[in-house]
N, C-alpha and C. Protein backbone atom coordinates (compact mmCIF):
# COMPACT_ATOMS: atom_id res chain seq x y z
N UNK A 1 5.62 -21.04 34.40
CA UNK A 1 6.45 -21.42 34.45
C UNK A 1 7.61 -22.06 35.61
N UNK A 2 7.73 -22.56 36.46
CA UNK A 2 9.17 -22.47 37.25
C UNK A 2 9.93 -23.03 36.18
N UNK A 3 11.76 -22.54 36.77
CA UNK A 3 12.21 -23.18 35.66
C UNK A 3 12.69 -24.31 35.60
N UNK A 4 12.24 -25.87 36.50
CA UNK A 4 12.88 -27.46 36.53
C UNK A 4 11.38 -27.14 35.73
N UNK A 5 10.56 -26.84 35.75
CA UNK A 5 9.19 -27.18 34.80
C UNK A 5 9.18 -27.53 33.34
N UNK A 6 9.71 -25.90 33.30
CA UNK A 6 9.96 -25.51 32.07
C UNK A 6 11.34 -26.53 31.16
N UNK A 7 12.27 -26.66 32.19
CA UNK A 7 13.43 -27.88 31.39
C UNK A 7 12.41 -29.23 31.31
N UNK A 8 11.68 -29.48 32.45
CA UNK A 8 11.06 -30.60 31.91
C UNK A 8 10.42 -30.94 30.48
N UNK A 9 9.82 -29.60 30.59
CA UNK A 9 8.74 -29.49 29.23
C UNK A 9 9.60 -29.59 27.65
N UNK A 10 10.89 -28.67 27.96
CA UNK A 10 11.89 -28.65 27.04
C UNK A 10 12.56 -29.75 26.60
N UNK A 11 12.90 -30.75 27.50
CA UNK A 11 13.64 -31.74 27.27
C UNK A 11 13.16 -33.17 27.72
N UNK A 12 11.77 -33.26 28.22
CA UNK A 12 11.09 -34.44 28.82
C UNK A 12 11.40 -35.05 29.59
N UNK A 13 12.52 -34.15 30.49
CA UNK A 13 13.73 -35.70 31.23
C UNK A 13 13.80 -34.68 32.31
N UNK A 14 12.80 -35.14 32.61
CA UNK A 14 12.33 -34.67 34.62
C UNK A 14 13.05 -35.36 35.62
N UNK A 15 12.43 -35.08 36.60
CA UNK A 15 12.92 -36.25 37.49
C UNK A 15 11.84 -37.53 37.88
N UNK A 16 12.15 -38.58 38.46
CA UNK A 16 11.70 -39.79 37.87
C UNK A 16 10.99 -39.81 39.57
N UNK A 17 9.86 -40.23 39.96
CA UNK A 17 8.85 -40.63 41.52
C UNK A 17 8.93 -42.18 41.22
N UNK A 18 9.79 -43.01 42.26
CA UNK A 18 9.45 -44.49 41.98
C UNK A 18 8.84 -44.28 43.15
N UNK A 19 7.12 -44.69 43.40
CA UNK A 19 5.84 -44.87 43.91
C UNK A 19 6.00 -46.39 44.59
N UNK A 20 6.10 -46.38 46.08
CA UNK A 20 5.92 -47.63 46.39
C UNK A 20 4.74 -47.82 46.79
N UNK A 21 3.85 -48.84 46.61
CA UNK A 21 2.30 -48.63 46.69
C UNK A 21 1.20 -47.27 46.94
N UNK A 22 1.66 -45.91 46.39
CA UNK A 22 0.81 -45.10 46.30
C UNK A 22 -0.78 -45.67 45.73
N UNK A 23 -1.21 -44.57 46.78
CA UNK A 23 -2.60 -44.20 45.92
C UNK A 23 -2.56 -43.04 45.17
N UNK A 24 -3.66 -43.14 43.91
CA UNK A 24 -3.87 -42.33 42.95
C UNK A 24 -3.72 -41.14 43.44
N UNK A 25 -4.24 -40.45 44.31
CA UNK A 25 -4.30 -39.06 44.21
C UNK A 25 -2.24 -39.07 44.69
N UNK A 26 -1.37 -39.66 45.31
CA UNK A 26 -0.51 -39.31 45.16
C UNK A 26 0.37 -39.53 43.70
N UNK A 27 -0.07 -40.11 42.83
CA UNK A 27 0.42 -40.33 41.77
C UNK A 27 -0.03 -39.08 40.99
N UNK A 28 -1.05 -38.35 40.91
CA UNK A 28 -1.90 -37.51 40.62
C UNK A 28 -1.15 -35.91 41.24
N UNK A 29 -0.47 -35.88 42.36
CA UNK A 29 0.56 -35.22 42.94
C UNK A 29 1.49 -34.64 42.07
N UNK A 30 2.07 -35.84 41.68
CA UNK A 30 4.05 -36.42 41.96
C UNK A 30 3.66 -36.02 40.47
N UNK A 31 2.86 -35.74 39.64
CA UNK A 31 2.83 -35.95 38.00
C UNK A 31 1.83 -34.21 38.11
N UNK A 32 1.76 -34.18 39.11
CA UNK A 32 0.83 -32.06 38.76
C UNK A 32 2.42 -31.15 39.17
N UNK A 33 3.30 -32.40 40.06
CA UNK A 33 4.12 -31.73 40.21
C UNK A 33 5.71 -31.59 39.23
N UNK A 34 5.39 -32.08 38.48
CA UNK A 34 6.54 -32.41 37.32
C UNK A 34 7.30 -33.81 37.63
N UNK A 35 6.51 -34.37 37.97
CA UNK A 35 7.88 -35.78 38.36
C UNK A 35 6.82 -36.41 36.88
N UNK A 36 8.27 -37.27 36.12
CA UNK A 36 7.46 -38.66 35.37
C UNK A 36 7.69 -40.11 36.98
N UNK A 37 6.32 -40.50 37.10
CA UNK A 37 6.29 -41.52 38.24
C UNK A 37 6.25 -43.40 37.61
N UNK A 38 6.80 -43.62 38.54
CA UNK A 38 6.89 -45.47 38.19
C UNK A 38 5.96 -45.50 39.91
N UNK A 39 5.32 -46.69 39.83
CA UNK A 39 4.41 -47.11 40.66
C UNK A 39 4.99 -48.47 40.85
N UNK A 40 5.69 -48.53 42.20
CA UNK A 40 5.90 -50.41 42.37
C UNK A 40 4.99 -50.52 43.76
N UNK A 41 4.58 -51.59 43.68
CA UNK A 41 3.71 -52.65 43.93
C UNK A 41 3.72 -53.89 43.65
N UNK A 42 2.69 -54.83 44.86
CA UNK A 42 3.30 -56.58 44.43
C UNK A 42 2.08 -56.84 43.62
N UNK A 43 1.53 -58.24 43.36
CA UNK A 43 0.49 -58.33 42.43
C UNK A 43 -0.62 -57.81 42.75
N UNK A 44 -1.26 -57.35 43.84
CA UNK A 44 -2.46 -57.13 43.90
C UNK A 44 -2.60 -55.87 42.45
N UNK A 45 -3.72 -55.05 42.44
CA UNK A 45 -3.59 -54.54 41.46
C UNK A 45 -2.84 -52.79 41.36
N UNK A 46 -2.38 -53.19 40.86
CA UNK A 46 -1.61 -51.12 40.16
C UNK A 46 -2.57 -50.22 39.76
N UNK A 47 -2.48 -48.75 40.28
CA UNK A 47 -3.13 -47.97 39.65
C UNK A 47 -2.78 -48.12 38.24
N UNK A 48 -3.59 -47.62 37.71
CA UNK A 48 -3.51 -48.10 35.57
C UNK A 48 -3.14 -46.61 35.21
N UNK A 49 -3.07 -46.68 33.49
CA UNK A 49 -2.32 -45.48 33.54
C UNK A 49 -3.13 -44.12 33.30
N UNK A 50 -4.74 -44.69 33.53
CA UNK A 50 -5.75 -43.92 33.50
C UNK A 50 -6.20 -42.47 34.88
N UNK A 51 -4.71 -43.56 35.41
CA UNK A 51 -4.98 -42.54 37.16
C UNK A 51 -3.45 -41.71 37.16
N UNK A 52 -2.63 -41.85 35.88
CA UNK A 52 -1.71 -40.99 35.91
C UNK A 52 -0.06 -41.90 36.31
N UNK A 53 -0.12 -43.23 36.35
CA UNK A 53 1.73 -43.79 36.52
C UNK A 53 1.89 -44.12 35.13
N UNK A 54 3.05 -43.78 35.37
CA UNK A 54 4.00 -43.85 33.37
C UNK A 54 4.22 -45.30 33.34
N UNK A 55 4.34 -45.64 34.59
CA UNK A 55 5.26 -46.90 34.04
C UNK A 55 4.84 -47.84 35.32
N UNK A 56 4.75 -49.20 35.34
CA UNK A 56 4.62 -50.17 36.50
C UNK A 56 5.42 -51.05 36.69
N UNK A 57 5.49 -51.52 37.73
CA UNK A 57 6.61 -52.17 38.46
C UNK A 57 6.34 -53.16 39.72
N UNK A 58 6.12 -54.91 39.31
CA UNK A 58 5.50 -55.27 39.85
C UNK A 58 6.87 -55.95 41.35
N UNK A 59 6.54 -55.61 43.01
CA UNK A 59 7.78 -55.46 43.53
C UNK A 59 7.12 -55.42 44.79
N UNK A 60 7.79 -56.16 45.59
CA UNK A 60 7.31 -56.50 47.12
C UNK A 60 8.08 -55.60 47.86
N UNK A 61 7.55 -54.62 48.13
CA UNK A 61 8.98 -53.65 48.91
C UNK A 61 9.39 -54.38 50.20
N UNK A 62 8.56 -55.36 50.58
CA UNK A 62 8.95 -56.18 51.88
C UNK A 62 10.26 -57.07 51.51
N UNK A 63 10.95 -57.36 50.15
CA UNK A 63 11.98 -58.31 49.45
C UNK A 63 12.62 -56.98 49.13
N UNK A 64 13.15 -56.77 49.97
CA UNK A 64 14.78 -55.72 49.72
C UNK A 64 15.19 -56.36 48.28
N UNK A 65 16.10 -57.22 48.39
CA UNK A 65 16.89 -58.04 47.33
C UNK A 65 16.20 -57.55 45.80
N UNK A 66 14.81 -58.04 45.89
CA UNK A 66 13.47 -57.62 44.42
C UNK A 66 13.50 -56.12 44.07
N UNK A 67 13.05 -55.88 45.17
CA UNK A 67 13.01 -54.35 45.28
C UNK A 67 14.00 -53.77 45.04
N UNK A 68 15.52 -53.73 44.80
CA UNK A 68 16.49 -52.74 44.63
C UNK A 68 16.36 -53.17 43.48
N UNK A 69 16.29 -55.34 43.16
CA UNK A 69 16.55 -55.34 41.86
C UNK A 69 16.31 -54.26 40.30
N UNK A 70 14.85 -54.86 41.10
CA UNK A 70 13.35 -54.03 40.11
C UNK A 70 13.66 -52.56 39.86
N UNK A 71 13.99 -51.83 41.29
CA UNK A 71 14.66 -50.76 40.69
C UNK A 71 15.25 -49.88 40.27
N UNK A 72 16.76 -50.40 40.58
CA UNK A 72 18.21 -50.52 39.95
C UNK A 72 17.89 -51.28 38.38
N UNK A 73 16.96 -51.32 37.93
CA UNK A 73 17.07 -51.36 36.25
C UNK A 73 16.50 -50.25 35.68
N UNK A 74 15.90 -49.00 35.88
CA UNK A 74 15.16 -47.95 35.47
C UNK A 74 16.29 -46.63 35.73
N UNK A 75 16.28 -46.79 34.15
CA UNK A 75 17.73 -45.35 33.69
C UNK A 75 17.78 -44.49 34.91
N UNK A 76 16.73 -44.17 34.52
CA UNK A 76 16.54 -42.88 35.72
C UNK A 76 17.19 -42.87 37.30
N UNK A 77 17.66 -43.88 37.14
CA UNK A 77 17.63 -44.62 38.99
C UNK A 77 19.70 -44.58 38.40
N UNK A 78 20.07 -45.31 37.88
CA UNK A 78 21.04 -45.39 36.84
C UNK A 78 21.97 -43.89 36.78
N UNK A 79 21.22 -43.13 36.45
CA UNK A 79 21.60 -41.56 36.20
C UNK A 79 21.45 -41.08 37.35
N UNK A 80 20.74 -41.48 38.91
CA UNK A 80 20.80 -40.60 39.46
C UNK A 80 19.55 -39.00 39.39
N UNK A 81 18.34 -40.15 38.31
CA UNK A 81 17.37 -38.81 38.37
C UNK A 81 16.00 -39.17 38.90
N UNK A 82 16.37 -39.84 39.75
CA UNK A 82 15.12 -40.52 40.42
C UNK A 82 14.91 -40.58 42.26
N UNK A 83 14.05 -40.96 42.64
CA UNK A 83 13.49 -41.11 44.47
C UNK A 83 13.39 -41.54 44.86
N UNK A 84 13.16 -42.55 45.22
CA UNK A 84 12.11 -43.75 45.76
C UNK A 84 11.49 -43.07 47.09
N UNK A 85 10.01 -43.23 47.09
CA UNK A 85 8.85 -42.69 48.14
C UNK A 85 8.42 -44.06 48.74
N UNK A 86 7.90 -43.91 50.39
CA UNK A 86 7.18 -44.46 50.69
C UNK A 86 6.23 -44.05 51.60
N UNK A 87 5.08 -44.21 51.97
CA UNK A 87 3.94 -43.84 51.97
C UNK A 87 3.10 -44.32 53.60
N UNK A 88 3.80 -44.85 54.65
CA UNK A 88 3.67 -45.18 56.03
C UNK A 88 4.47 -45.62 56.91
N UNK A 89 5.01 -46.41 56.90
CA UNK A 89 6.38 -46.82 58.22
C UNK A 89 6.73 -47.50 57.76
N UNK A 90 6.37 -48.76 57.00
CA UNK A 90 6.79 -49.60 56.37
C UNK A 90 7.34 -49.24 54.82
N UNK A 91 6.91 -48.09 54.21
CA UNK A 91 7.00 -48.00 53.13
C UNK A 91 8.37 -46.89 52.74
N UNK A 92 8.04 -46.33 53.94
CA UNK A 92 8.88 -45.04 54.53
C UNK A 92 10.43 -45.55 54.30
N UNK A 93 11.13 -47.08 55.49
CA UNK A 93 11.85 -47.55 55.39
C UNK A 93 12.54 -48.10 54.51
N UNK A 94 11.39 -49.07 53.74
CA UNK A 94 12.11 -49.31 52.53
C UNK A 94 12.08 -48.80 51.62
N UNK A 95 11.60 -47.49 51.42
CA UNK A 95 12.16 -46.56 50.41
C UNK A 95 13.88 -45.41 50.53
N UNK A 96 13.91 -45.61 52.20
CA UNK A 96 14.89 -44.98 52.53
C UNK A 96 16.39 -46.32 52.75
N UNK A 97 15.86 -47.32 52.85
CA UNK A 97 17.00 -48.57 51.99
C UNK A 97 17.26 -48.79 50.63
N UNK A 98 15.88 -48.59 50.09
CA UNK A 98 16.49 -48.64 49.18
C UNK A 98 16.51 -47.25 48.03
N UNK A 99 16.95 -46.32 48.32
CA UNK A 99 17.39 -44.72 48.26
C UNK A 99 19.11 -44.85 48.28
N UNK A 100 19.49 -45.64 49.52
CA UNK A 100 20.71 -45.92 50.24
C UNK A 100 21.64 -46.72 49.20
N UNK A 101 20.62 -48.16 49.46
CA UNK A 101 21.80 -48.98 47.79
C UNK A 101 21.69 -48.73 46.78
N UNK A 102 21.21 -47.63 46.58
CA UNK A 102 20.73 -47.73 45.01
C UNK A 102 21.57 -45.99 44.40
N UNK A 103 22.34 -45.35 45.42
CA UNK A 103 23.07 -44.21 45.99
C UNK A 103 22.57 -42.85 45.21
N UNK A 104 20.85 -43.25 45.37
CA UNK A 104 20.08 -41.72 45.49
C UNK A 104 19.78 -40.81 46.74
N UNK A 105 19.49 -39.66 46.84
CA UNK A 105 19.62 -38.68 47.26
C UNK A 105 17.97 -39.66 48.40
N UNK A 106 18.15 -38.69 50.18
CA UNK A 106 16.97 -39.18 50.62
C UNK A 106 17.10 -39.03 51.88
N UNK A 107 16.59 -39.59 53.03
CA UNK A 107 16.07 -39.73 54.48
C UNK A 107 16.73 -40.75 54.49
N UNK A 108 18.10 -40.63 55.33
CA UNK A 108 18.76 -42.04 55.99
C UNK A 108 18.01 -43.38 56.29
N UNK A 109 18.17 -44.28 56.29
CA UNK A 109 17.43 -45.49 56.83
C UNK A 109 17.19 -45.64 58.23
N UNK A 110 18.37 -45.44 58.55
CA UNK A 110 19.11 -45.02 60.76
C UNK A 110 17.90 -43.76 60.99
N UNK A 111 17.82 -42.93 60.32
CA UNK A 111 17.20 -41.58 60.66
C UNK A 111 15.57 -42.12 60.71
N UNK A 112 15.41 -43.07 59.42
CA UNK A 112 13.01 -43.29 59.38
C UNK A 112 13.60 -44.05 60.64
N UNK A 113 14.31 -45.59 61.01
CA UNK A 113 14.21 -46.51 61.69
C UNK A 113 14.60 -45.42 63.68
N UNK A 114 14.85 -44.88 63.33
CA UNK A 114 14.76 -44.08 64.82
C UNK A 114 13.72 -43.21 65.25
N UNK A 115 13.06 -42.51 64.14
CA UNK A 115 11.59 -41.81 64.47
C UNK A 115 10.52 -42.91 64.32
N UNK A 116 10.58 -44.37 63.86
CA UNK A 116 9.61 -44.70 63.68
C UNK A 116 9.90 -45.60 65.01
N UNK A 117 10.77 -45.52 66.06
CA UNK A 117 11.23 -46.28 67.61
C UNK A 117 10.91 -44.68 68.57
N UNK A 118 9.67 -44.72 68.94
CA UNK A 118 9.75 -43.67 70.29
C UNK A 118 10.39 -43.80 71.19
N UNK A 119 10.47 -44.40 72.15
CA UNK A 119 11.40 -44.75 73.11
C UNK A 119 12.34 -44.56 72.52
N UNK A 120 13.24 -45.08 71.44
CA UNK A 120 14.46 -44.52 71.29
C UNK A 120 15.01 -43.30 70.99
N UNK A 121 13.88 -42.40 70.49
CA UNK A 121 14.22 -41.18 69.82
C UNK A 121 13.99 -40.32 71.10
N UNK A 122 13.12 -40.90 71.99
CA UNK A 122 12.85 -40.02 73.50
C UNK A 122 14.44 -40.05 74.15
N UNK A 123 15.00 -40.92 74.17
CA UNK A 123 16.16 -41.41 74.57
C UNK A 123 17.33 -40.79 74.23
N UNK A 124 17.63 -40.97 72.89
CA UNK A 124 18.39 -39.23 71.73
C UNK A 124 18.04 -38.63 72.02
N UNK A 125 17.02 -38.03 72.10
CA UNK A 125 16.20 -36.64 72.54
C UNK A 125 17.11 -35.82 73.97
N UNK A 126 16.74 -36.92 75.08
CA UNK A 126 17.37 -36.63 76.20
C UNK A 126 18.62 -36.55 76.67
N UNK A 127 19.52 -37.23 75.52
CA UNK A 127 20.78 -37.69 75.77
C UNK A 127 21.35 -35.93 75.26
N UNK A 128 20.69 -35.47 73.86
CA UNK A 128 21.32 -34.51 73.75
C UNK A 128 20.75 -33.19 74.17
N UNK A 129 19.79 -32.54 74.97
CA UNK A 129 19.31 -32.28 75.90
C UNK A 129 18.90 -31.92 77.26
N UNK A 130 20.19 -32.84 77.96
CA UNK A 130 20.04 -33.24 79.27
C UNK A 130 19.08 -32.07 79.92
N UNK A 131 19.25 -30.76 79.94
CA UNK A 131 18.84 -29.74 80.47
C UNK A 131 17.07 -30.00 80.63
N UNK A 132 16.76 -30.47 79.23
CA UNK A 132 15.26 -30.38 79.17
C UNK A 132 15.03 -31.04 78.49
N UNK A 133 14.96 -32.44 79.01
CA UNK A 133 14.33 -33.54 79.20
C UNK A 133 13.03 -34.16 79.03
N UNK A 134 12.70 -35.02 77.63
CA UNK A 134 11.42 -35.79 77.88
C UNK A 134 11.22 -36.33 78.19
N UNK A 135 9.89 -36.42 78.43
CA UNK A 135 8.88 -37.25 79.98
C UNK A 135 7.72 -37.98 78.98
N UNK A 136 7.88 -39.17 78.70
CA UNK A 136 6.36 -39.64 78.77
C UNK A 136 5.58 -39.69 79.78
N UNK A 137 4.02 -39.04 79.83
CA UNK A 137 3.69 -39.12 81.02
C UNK A 137 2.23 -39.93 81.06
N UNK A 138 1.92 -41.27 81.42
CA UNK A 138 1.04 -42.09 81.34
C UNK A 138 -0.78 -40.70 81.70
N UNK A 139 -1.45 -41.25 80.10
CA UNK A 139 -2.42 -40.51 80.81
C UNK A 139 -3.77 -41.87 80.48
N UNK A 140 -4.64 -41.24 81.57
CA UNK A 140 -6.24 -41.80 81.24
C UNK A 140 -6.90 -40.73 80.86
N UNK A 141 -6.56 -41.11 79.30
CA UNK A 141 -7.56 -40.15 78.86
C UNK A 141 -8.83 -40.76 78.69
């Protein structure tokens, strides 16, 4: 076992992965990696304990205030042993905003926003590398 997995096995206190509306395969992968899992999803069905979620929290990632309130109550979040993860564009932005609001490490929301806006990303890249500007080429492929 790796050092982190051995510590988790001995203490039972491993990292907490707060997953925003994940597929069951994502929950299983997080568990295999040694993370304790919390699945956050709105009122629609949430993966059951059979599929690996250790805890379920009902919240809509689009309601930032309620998402922060729900996730902020978790003990692991208060002790800095958690990270929030999203799995599509909206989820990635919600996770970044949640991590920032809760003081958890992660990709800054500004970086996620910039990566989602391709034109702004290209313009920013061009200002940093003016000698090798990136151009979008129209293609009738």
